[in-house]
N, C-alpha and C. Protein backbone atom coordinates (compact mmCIF):
# COMPACT_ATOMS: atom_id res chain seq x y z
N UNK A 1 110.76 75.03 86.10
CA UNK A 1 109.50 74.49 86.58
C UNK A 1 108.59 75.47 87.15
N UNK A 2 107.29 75.66 86.61
CA UNK A 2 106.38 76.68 87.00
C UNK A 2 105.79 76.18 88.28
N UNK A 3 105.57 77.08 89.20
CA UNK A 3 104.85 76.82 90.40
C UNK A 3 103.38 76.67 90.28
N UNK A 4 102.92 75.44 89.78
CA UNK A 4 101.47 75.23 89.55
C UNK A 4 100.61 75.24 90.84
N UNK A 5 101.28 74.59 91.90
CA UNK A 5 100.48 74.47 93.13
C UNK A 5 100.07 75.92 93.61
N UNK A 6 100.99 76.87 93.69
CA UNK A 6 100.66 78.13 94.08
C UNK A 6 99.71 78.78 93.14
N UNK A 7 99.85 78.56 91.98
CA UNK A 7 98.90 79.10 90.86
C UNK A 7 97.47 78.54 91.07
N UNK A 8 97.30 77.12 91.29
CA UNK A 8 96.10 76.74 91.58
C UNK A 8 95.45 77.21 92.84
N UNK A 9 96.21 77.26 93.85
CA UNK A 9 95.66 77.70 95.09
C UNK A 9 95.13 79.14 95.02
N UNK A 10 95.90 80.05 94.26
CA UNK A 10 95.50 81.39 94.21
C UNK A 10 94.06 81.41 93.44
N UNK A 11 94.16 80.70 92.33
CA UNK A 11 92.96 80.69 91.45
C UNK A 11 91.77 80.16 92.17
N UNK A 12 91.85 79.10 93.05
CA UNK A 12 90.72 78.68 93.72
C UNK A 12 90.24 79.68 94.77
N UNK A 13 91.13 80.34 95.59
CA UNK A 13 90.85 81.33 96.59
C UNK A 13 90.31 82.49 95.93
N UNK A 14 90.80 82.99 94.80
CA UNK A 14 90.15 84.06 94.08
C UNK A 14 88.75 83.80 93.53
N UNK A 15 88.54 82.59 93.03
CA UNK A 15 87.23 82.19 92.59
C UNK A 15 86.17 82.16 93.84
N UNK A 16 86.66 81.55 94.96
CA UNK A 16 85.73 81.56 96.02
C UNK A 16 85.45 83.05 96.59
N UNK A 17 86.44 83.86 96.56
CA UNK A 17 86.17 85.23 97.14
C UNK A 17 85.33 85.96 96.06
N UNK A 18 85.57 85.86 94.67
CA UNK A 18 84.69 86.50 93.66
C UNK A 18 83.37 86.13 93.79
N UNK A 19 82.98 84.70 94.15
CA UNK A 19 81.71 84.33 94.43
C UNK A 19 81.03 84.88 95.68
N UNK A 20 81.88 85.11 96.56
CA UNK A 20 81.33 85.49 97.93
C UNK A 20 82.28 86.50 98.56
N UNK A 21 82.22 87.84 98.13
CA UNK A 21 83.20 88.75 98.64
C UNK A 21 83.31 88.75 100.16
N UNK A 22 82.35 88.40 100.91
CA UNK A 22 82.40 88.36 102.39
C UNK A 22 83.49 87.47 102.88
N UNK A 23 83.90 86.66 102.15
CA UNK A 23 84.92 85.57 102.55
C UNK A 23 86.27 86.19 102.52
N UNK A 24 86.47 87.39 101.90
CA UNK A 24 87.83 88.10 101.91
C UNK A 24 88.09 88.76 103.23
N UNK A 25 87.13 89.07 103.96
CA UNK A 25 87.41 89.73 105.22
C UNK A 25 87.75 88.84 106.34
N UNK A 26 88.70 89.13 107.20
CA UNK A 26 89.10 88.26 108.27
C UNK A 26 89.83 89.03 109.36
N UNK A 27 89.75 88.64 110.53
CA UNK A 27 90.45 89.09 111.56
C UNK A 27 91.62 88.17 111.68
N UNK A 28 92.86 88.81 111.70
CA UNK A 28 94.14 88.10 111.67
C UNK A 28 94.49 87.48 113.04
N UNK A 29 95.07 86.45 113.15
CA UNK A 29 95.49 85.79 114.30
C UNK A 29 96.37 86.71 115.12
N UNK A 30 96.21 86.71 116.39
CA UNK A 30 96.89 87.67 117.31
C UNK A 30 98.39 87.03 117.56
N UNK A 31 99.20 87.96 117.95
CA UNK A 31 100.60 87.55 118.47
C UNK A 31 100.60 88.06 119.77
N UNK A 32 101.01 87.45 120.81
CA UNK A 32 101.26 87.80 122.15
C UNK A 32 102.70 87.82 122.59
N UNK A 33 103.11 88.93 123.08
CA UNK A 33 104.61 88.90 123.49
C UNK A 33 104.60 88.87 125.04
N UNK A 34 105.49 87.93 125.57
CA UNK A 34 105.58 88.03 127.05
C UNK A 34 107.06 88.12 127.45
N UNK A 35 107.24 89.17 128.43
CA UNK A 35 108.54 89.34 128.77
C UNK A 35 109.13 88.18 129.47
N UNK A 36 110.29 87.53 128.95
CA UNK A 36 110.90 86.46 129.72
C UNK A 36 112.33 86.62 130.26
N UNK A 37 112.78 87.80 130.07
CA UNK A 37 114.20 88.27 130.47
C UNK A 37 114.08 89.67 130.61
N UNK A 38 115.37 90.22 130.85
CA UNK A 38 115.49 91.69 131.00
C UNK A 38 114.61 92.40 129.95
N UNK A 39 114.98 92.19 128.68
CA UNK A 39 114.17 92.96 127.57
C UNK A 39 113.93 91.90 126.48
N UNK A 40 113.96 90.56 126.75
CA UNK A 40 113.73 89.50 125.98
C UNK A 40 112.14 89.13 125.98
N UNK A 41 111.65 88.92 124.85
CA UNK A 41 110.27 88.53 124.73
C UNK A 41 110.10 87.26 123.91
N UNK A 42 109.09 86.39 124.32
CA UNK A 42 108.79 85.28 123.70
C UNK A 42 107.39 85.72 122.93
N UNK A 43 107.19 85.60 121.69
CA UNK A 43 106.20 86.02 121.03
C UNK A 43 105.48 84.65 120.51
N UNK A 44 104.02 84.55 120.82
CA UNK A 44 103.58 83.27 120.43
C UNK A 44 102.07 83.61 119.66
N UNK A 45 101.61 82.53 119.00
CA UNK A 45 100.44 82.82 118.25
C UNK A 45 99.56 81.62 118.77
N UNK A 46 98.29 81.54 118.39
CA UNK A 46 97.23 80.57 118.90
C UNK A 46 97.53 79.16 118.40
N UNK A 47 98.28 78.91 117.37
CA UNK A 47 98.66 77.49 116.96
C UNK A 47 100.01 77.11 117.39
N UNK A 48 100.49 77.69 118.33
CA UNK A 48 101.88 77.38 118.83
C UNK A 48 103.07 78.14 118.02
N UNK A 49 102.66 78.95 117.23
CA UNK A 49 103.73 79.62 116.47
C UNK A 49 104.53 80.43 117.49
N UNK A 50 105.90 80.53 117.23
CA UNK A 50 106.56 81.45 118.24
C UNK A 50 107.91 81.84 117.64
N UNK A 51 108.35 83.10 118.10
CA UNK A 51 109.75 83.51 117.92
C UNK A 51 110.00 84.27 119.21
N UNK A 52 111.44 84.60 119.25
CA UNK A 52 112.04 85.33 120.36
C UNK A 52 112.72 86.54 119.98
N UNK A 53 112.45 87.68 120.70
CA UNK A 53 113.15 89.01 120.43
C UNK A 53 113.92 89.35 121.61
N UNK A 54 115.03 90.11 121.41
CA UNK A 54 115.77 90.71 122.47
C UNK A 54 116.32 92.00 122.03
N UNK A 55 116.63 92.91 122.97
CA UNK A 55 117.25 94.12 122.55
C UNK A 55 118.76 94.01 122.72
N UNK A 56 119.38 94.84 121.98
CA UNK A 56 120.89 94.75 121.95
C UNK A 56 121.44 95.12 123.53
N UNK A 57 122.56 94.64 123.72
CA UNK A 57 123.18 95.03 125.05
C UNK A 57 123.28 96.38 125.28
N UNK A 58 123.61 97.29 124.14
CA UNK A 58 123.69 98.71 124.41
C UNK A 58 122.44 99.33 124.90
N UNK A 59 121.31 98.65 124.78
CA UNK A 59 119.97 99.11 125.12
C UNK A 59 119.53 98.47 126.48
N UNK A 60 120.32 97.53 126.97
CA UNK A 60 120.00 96.95 128.19
C UNK A 60 119.52 95.44 128.14
N UNK A 61 119.37 95.02 126.88
CA UNK A 61 119.03 93.58 126.71
C UNK A 61 120.31 92.75 126.68
N UNK A 62 120.07 91.65 126.29
CA UNK A 62 121.25 90.58 126.30
C UNK A 62 121.75 90.28 124.86
N UNK A 63 120.99 90.83 123.96
CA UNK A 63 121.42 90.69 122.52
C UNK A 63 121.30 89.13 122.08
N UNK A 64 120.44 88.35 122.75
CA UNK A 64 120.46 86.94 122.41
C UNK A 64 119.50 86.62 121.14
N UNK A 65 118.88 87.55 120.59
CA UNK A 65 118.01 87.30 119.59
C UNK A 65 117.79 88.58 118.69
N UNK A 66 117.24 88.68 117.59
CA UNK A 66 116.99 89.82 116.86
C UNK A 66 116.04 90.66 117.56
N UNK A 67 116.23 91.93 117.33
CA UNK A 67 115.42 93.03 118.00
C UNK A 67 114.04 93.00 117.20
N UNK A 68 112.99 93.52 117.76
CA UNK A 68 111.69 93.74 117.15
C UNK A 68 111.74 94.44 115.75
N UNK A 69 112.57 95.63 115.66
CA UNK A 69 112.76 96.19 114.32
C UNK A 69 113.22 95.36 113.43
N UNK A 70 114.04 94.40 113.56
CA UNK A 70 114.62 93.61 112.56
C UNK A 70 113.55 92.66 112.08
N UNK A 71 112.66 92.14 113.04
CA UNK A 71 111.39 91.25 112.71
C UNK A 71 110.55 92.21 111.68
N UNK A 72 110.46 93.31 111.99
CA UNK A 72 109.49 94.16 111.14
C UNK A 72 110.00 94.27 109.69
N UNK A 73 111.48 94.48 109.68
CA UNK A 73 112.01 94.49 108.36
C UNK A 73 112.04 93.17 107.62
N UNK A 74 112.08 92.07 108.51
CA UNK A 74 111.99 90.72 107.84
C UNK A 74 110.62 90.36 107.35
N UNK A 75 109.60 90.81 108.20
CA UNK A 75 108.25 90.67 107.82
C UNK A 75 107.98 91.34 106.46
N UNK A 76 108.40 92.49 106.45
CA UNK A 76 108.27 93.35 105.12
C UNK A 76 108.92 92.67 103.93
N UNK A 77 110.18 92.23 104.04
CA UNK A 77 110.95 91.56 103.08
C UNK A 77 110.27 90.11 102.69
N UNK A 78 109.96 89.51 103.67
CA UNK A 78 109.36 88.15 103.40
C UNK A 78 108.00 88.20 102.72
N UNK A 79 107.18 89.15 103.07
CA UNK A 79 105.86 89.39 102.67
C UNK A 79 105.94 89.83 101.29
N UNK A 80 106.86 90.79 100.97
CA UNK A 80 107.06 91.19 99.50
C UNK A 80 107.44 90.21 98.57
N UNK A 81 108.35 89.33 99.08
CA UNK A 81 108.97 88.19 98.29
C UNK A 81 107.83 87.23 97.92
N UNK A 82 107.05 86.94 99.03
CA UNK A 82 105.91 85.91 98.94
C UNK A 82 104.94 86.48 97.87
N UNK A 83 104.56 87.73 97.90
CA UNK A 83 103.52 88.29 96.88
C UNK A 83 104.16 88.37 95.59
N UNK A 84 105.45 88.72 95.45
CA UNK A 84 105.98 88.61 94.12
C UNK A 84 105.96 87.25 93.45
N UNK A 85 106.41 86.24 94.40
CA UNK A 85 106.36 84.86 93.92
C UNK A 85 104.97 84.48 93.62
N UNK A 86 103.96 84.84 94.39
CA UNK A 86 102.56 84.57 93.98
C UNK A 86 102.15 85.03 92.60
N UNK A 87 102.52 86.36 92.48
CA UNK A 87 102.23 87.01 91.03
C UNK A 87 102.89 86.25 89.98
N UNK A 88 104.17 85.94 90.13
CA UNK A 88 104.85 85.17 89.13
C UNK A 88 104.10 83.82 88.93
N UNK A 89 103.92 83.13 89.83
CA UNK A 89 103.16 81.84 89.66
C UNK A 89 101.81 82.04 88.90
N UNK A 90 101.11 83.09 89.19
CA UNK A 90 99.84 83.26 88.63
C UNK A 90 99.97 83.55 87.24
N UNK A 91 101.18 84.23 86.76
CA UNK A 91 101.33 84.61 85.35
C UNK A 91 102.09 83.48 84.72
N UNK A 92 102.36 82.44 85.44
CA UNK A 92 103.22 81.26 84.81
C UNK A 92 104.66 81.49 84.52
N UNK A 93 105.21 82.42 85.34
CA UNK A 93 106.58 82.77 85.25
C UNK A 93 107.47 82.05 86.28
N UNK A 94 108.44 81.37 85.85
CA UNK A 94 109.28 80.60 86.82
C UNK A 94 110.48 81.64 87.25
N UNK A 95 110.49 81.71 88.56
CA UNK A 95 111.62 82.60 89.23
C UNK A 95 112.89 81.63 89.47
N UNK A 96 113.95 82.29 89.06
CA UNK A 96 115.25 81.47 89.33
C UNK A 96 115.87 82.05 90.58
N UNK A 97 115.79 83.38 90.66
CA UNK A 97 116.26 84.19 91.83
C UNK A 97 115.25 85.11 92.32
N UNK A 98 114.91 85.22 93.60
CA UNK A 98 114.09 86.24 94.06
C UNK A 98 114.71 86.47 95.59
N UNK A 99 115.06 87.74 95.78
CA UNK A 99 115.71 88.09 97.01
C UNK A 99 115.19 89.48 97.34
N UNK A 100 114.58 89.73 98.35
CA UNK A 100 114.28 91.02 98.90
C UNK A 100 114.88 91.52 100.08
N UNK A 101 115.52 92.58 100.12
CA UNK A 101 116.37 93.07 101.24
C UNK A 101 115.55 94.33 101.61
N UNK A 102 115.34 94.52 102.94
CA UNK A 102 114.71 95.76 103.55
C UNK A 102 115.76 96.24 104.55
N UNK A 103 116.05 97.61 104.52
CA UNK A 103 116.86 98.22 105.63
C UNK A 103 116.12 99.51 105.72
N UNK A 104 116.64 100.17 106.95
CA UNK A 104 115.94 101.43 107.40
C UNK A 104 116.77 102.20 108.11
N UNK A 105 116.47 103.41 108.54
CA UNK A 105 117.23 104.40 109.36
C UNK A 105 116.41 104.48 110.68
N UNK A 106 117.15 104.92 111.62
CA UNK A 106 116.47 105.22 113.01
C UNK A 106 117.18 106.10 113.83
N UNK A 107 116.60 106.86 114.78
CA UNK A 107 117.20 107.72 115.65
C UNK A 107 117.05 107.24 117.08
N UNK A 108 117.89 106.73 117.74
CA UNK A 108 117.75 106.30 119.02
C UNK A 108 117.24 107.21 120.12
N UNK A 109 117.38 108.59 119.80
CA UNK A 109 116.89 109.46 120.81
C UNK A 109 115.36 109.29 120.89
N UNK A 110 114.68 108.87 119.87
CA UNK A 110 113.11 108.71 119.95
C UNK A 110 112.75 107.57 121.08
N UNK A 111 113.47 106.36 121.04
CA UNK A 111 113.11 105.25 121.81
C UNK A 111 113.66 105.51 123.19
N UNK A 112 114.67 106.26 123.38
CA UNK A 112 115.13 106.60 124.60
C UNK A 112 114.54 107.75 125.36
N UNK A 113 113.54 108.47 124.60
CA UNK A 113 112.98 109.64 125.28
C UNK A 113 113.78 110.79 125.40
N UNK A 114 114.77 110.94 124.61
CA UNK A 114 115.70 112.07 124.83
C UNK A 114 115.27 113.40 124.23
N UNK A 115 114.31 113.17 123.10
CA UNK A 115 113.90 114.36 122.46
C UNK A 115 112.51 113.77 121.86
N UNK A 116 111.46 114.45 122.52
CA UNK A 116 110.07 114.08 122.09
C UNK A 116 109.67 114.56 120.66
N UNK A 117 110.52 115.32 119.92
CA UNK A 117 110.20 115.77 118.60
C UNK A 117 110.64 114.63 117.63
N UNK A 118 111.53 113.56 118.24
CA UNK A 118 112.05 112.51 117.30
C UNK A 118 111.14 111.39 117.40
N UNK A 119 110.57 110.87 116.49
CA UNK A 119 109.76 109.69 116.47
C UNK A 119 110.54 108.55 116.84
N UNK A 120 110.13 107.29 117.64
CA UNK A 120 110.80 106.28 117.98
C UNK A 120 110.79 105.25 116.81
N UNK A 121 110.00 105.55 115.81
CA UNK A 121 109.85 104.50 114.64
C UNK A 121 111.07 104.55 113.84
N UNK A 122 111.12 103.53 112.96
CA UNK A 122 112.01 103.41 111.80
C UNK A 122 111.64 104.44 110.77
N UNK A 123 112.67 105.07 110.22
CA UNK A 123 112.28 105.95 109.03
C UNK A 123 113.11 105.63 107.80
N UNK A 124 112.80 106.25 106.74
CA UNK A 124 113.48 105.96 105.43
C UNK A 124 113.66 104.51 105.12
N UNK A 125 112.50 103.69 105.25
CA UNK A 125 112.52 102.27 104.82
C UNK A 125 112.76 102.15 103.47
N UNK A 126 113.75 101.17 103.10
CA UNK A 126 114.15 101.02 101.70
C UNK A 126 114.06 99.42 101.42
N UNK A 127 113.50 99.05 100.30
CA UNK A 127 113.52 97.74 99.78
C UNK A 127 114.20 97.57 98.48
N UNK A 128 114.97 96.49 98.41
CA UNK A 128 115.69 96.16 97.09
C UNK A 128 115.30 94.84 96.78
N UNK A 129 114.90 94.60 95.50
CA UNK A 129 114.44 93.33 94.92
C UNK A 129 115.53 92.91 93.89
N UNK A 130 115.93 91.76 94.07
CA UNK A 130 116.79 91.04 92.99
C UNK A 130 115.94 89.92 92.43
N UNK A 131 115.77 89.85 91.12
CA UNK A 131 114.96 88.97 90.51
C UNK A 131 115.42 88.54 89.14
N UNK A 132 115.29 87.14 89.01
CA UNK A 132 115.61 86.77 87.63
C UNK A 132 114.50 85.42 87.35
N UNK A 133 114.34 85.46 86.11
CA UNK A 133 113.31 84.31 85.80
C UNK A 133 113.02 84.28 84.19
N UNK A 134 112.18 83.30 83.84
CA UNK A 134 112.00 83.16 82.45
C UNK A 134 111.07 84.07 81.79
N UNK A 135 111.16 85.38 81.96
CA UNK A 135 110.62 86.52 81.42
C UNK A 135 111.49 87.71 81.12
N UNK A 136 111.21 88.63 80.27
CA UNK A 136 112.00 89.59 79.99
C UNK A 136 112.19 90.63 81.17
N UNK A 137 113.13 91.49 81.16
CA UNK A 137 113.32 92.32 82.35
C UNK A 137 112.13 93.34 82.73
N UNK A 138 111.45 93.79 81.64
CA UNK A 138 110.30 94.72 81.93
C UNK A 138 109.23 93.97 82.75
N UNK A 139 109.05 92.73 82.25
CA UNK A 139 108.04 92.00 82.96
C UNK A 139 108.34 91.59 84.36
N UNK A 140 109.65 91.29 84.58
CA UNK A 140 110.16 91.05 85.95
C UNK A 140 110.12 92.25 86.76
N UNK A 141 110.26 93.42 86.25
CA UNK A 141 110.20 94.68 87.07
C UNK A 141 108.68 94.91 87.42
N UNK A 142 107.85 94.60 86.46
CA UNK A 142 106.47 94.70 86.71
C UNK A 142 105.93 93.86 87.87
N UNK A 143 106.27 92.69 87.74
CA UNK A 143 105.93 91.68 88.74
C UNK A 143 106.42 92.13 90.04
N UNK A 144 107.66 92.48 90.20
CA UNK A 144 108.28 92.93 91.44
C UNK A 144 107.45 94.28 91.93
N UNK A 145 107.18 95.17 91.13
CA UNK A 145 106.49 96.37 91.47
C UNK A 145 105.09 95.96 91.94
N UNK A 146 104.38 95.13 91.32
CA UNK A 146 102.99 94.68 91.56
C UNK A 146 103.04 94.00 93.01
N UNK A 147 104.03 93.20 93.20
CA UNK A 147 104.26 92.44 94.51
C UNK A 147 104.39 93.43 95.62
N UNK A 148 105.23 94.44 95.41
CA UNK A 148 105.46 95.45 96.49
C UNK A 148 104.26 96.16 96.75
N UNK A 149 103.35 96.49 95.68
CA UNK A 149 102.27 97.30 95.83
C UNK A 149 101.09 96.49 96.53
N UNK A 150 101.08 95.14 96.57
CA UNK A 150 100.11 94.30 97.11
C UNK A 150 100.60 93.54 98.23
N UNK A 151 101.75 93.79 98.84
CA UNK A 151 102.15 93.18 99.89
C UNK A 151 101.34 93.74 101.18
N UNK A 152 100.74 92.87 101.93
CA UNK A 152 99.94 93.28 103.09
C UNK A 152 100.86 94.07 104.16
N UNK A 153 102.07 93.52 104.34
CA UNK A 153 102.89 94.21 105.36
C UNK A 153 103.39 95.46 104.92
N UNK A 154 103.73 95.43 103.57
CA UNK A 154 104.26 96.81 102.98
C UNK A 154 103.16 97.82 102.89
N UNK A 155 101.89 97.41 102.58
CA UNK A 155 100.83 98.35 102.53
C UNK A 155 100.50 98.87 104.04
N UNK A 156 100.67 98.05 105.06
CA UNK A 156 100.41 98.43 106.45
C UNK A 156 101.52 99.49 106.83
N UNK A 157 102.79 99.20 106.41
CA UNK A 157 103.81 100.14 106.84
C UNK A 157 103.61 101.46 106.17
N UNK A 158 103.24 101.41 104.93
CA UNK A 158 102.99 102.64 104.03
C UNK A 158 101.82 103.40 104.34
N UNK A 159 100.85 102.71 104.80
CA UNK A 159 99.54 103.37 105.14
C UNK A 159 98.99 102.90 106.44
N UNK A 160 99.64 103.54 107.54
CA UNK A 160 99.23 103.11 108.87
C UNK A 160 97.87 103.02 109.22
N UNK A 161 97.42 101.78 109.67
CA UNK A 161 96.06 101.61 109.92
C UNK A 161 95.68 102.30 111.25
N UNK A 162 94.24 102.24 111.59
CA UNK A 162 93.95 102.67 112.99
C UNK A 162 94.47 101.84 113.90
N UNK A 163 95.01 102.40 115.01
CA UNK A 163 95.53 101.72 116.15
C UNK A 163 95.05 102.02 117.38
N UNK A 164 94.78 100.99 118.18
CA UNK A 164 94.32 101.26 119.50
C UNK A 164 94.96 100.54 120.59
N UNK A 165 94.86 101.05 121.91
CA UNK A 165 95.66 100.43 122.87
C UNK A 165 94.72 100.34 124.15
N UNK A 166 94.56 99.09 124.64
CA UNK A 166 93.70 98.75 125.81
C UNK A 166 94.67 98.31 126.87
N UNK A 167 94.72 98.84 127.97
CA UNK A 167 95.58 98.56 129.13
C UNK A 167 94.80 97.84 130.21
N UNK A 168 95.29 96.64 130.60
CA UNK A 168 94.61 95.96 131.64
C UNK A 168 95.60 95.70 132.85
N UNK A 169 95.37 96.32 133.87
CA UNK A 169 96.16 96.24 135.04
C UNK A 169 95.77 95.00 135.78
N UNK A 170 96.52 93.92 136.01
CA UNK A 170 96.07 92.78 136.76
C UNK A 170 96.79 92.45 137.92
């Protein structure tokens, strides 16, 4: 079965934005993290969305939830999968299997401040797409590559945007 609901939604949104390109720009909803334990944070959004993160025991946390880096990899994997599925729906291709796995490398000396030459961020981020559907393998590869190239989270990771920090001491 082809995902006509997604296809129709994409076509309607695309038509509305084509008619008025100003509708394409938006300020995204904020996420607010509050420390609720040693290194445990509750992250909430304005409509009640929430998740909990915690650092591993080796880092001083309780290990009661995934760490923030895992959520980043999860966001990248799920965003890429969503955009691939959207592209397939737009092209009328039914996907039987779609799985995106993201892993990365890191060096703990960065986060621990043991060597200022080593960044705290994740490095060598890798994504793997497993895909099967009612199209030939070249078409499925093109859809997967298109989805990766148009994933907002992926594009943000690959092309870091301007970032600012405001500090409010209360």
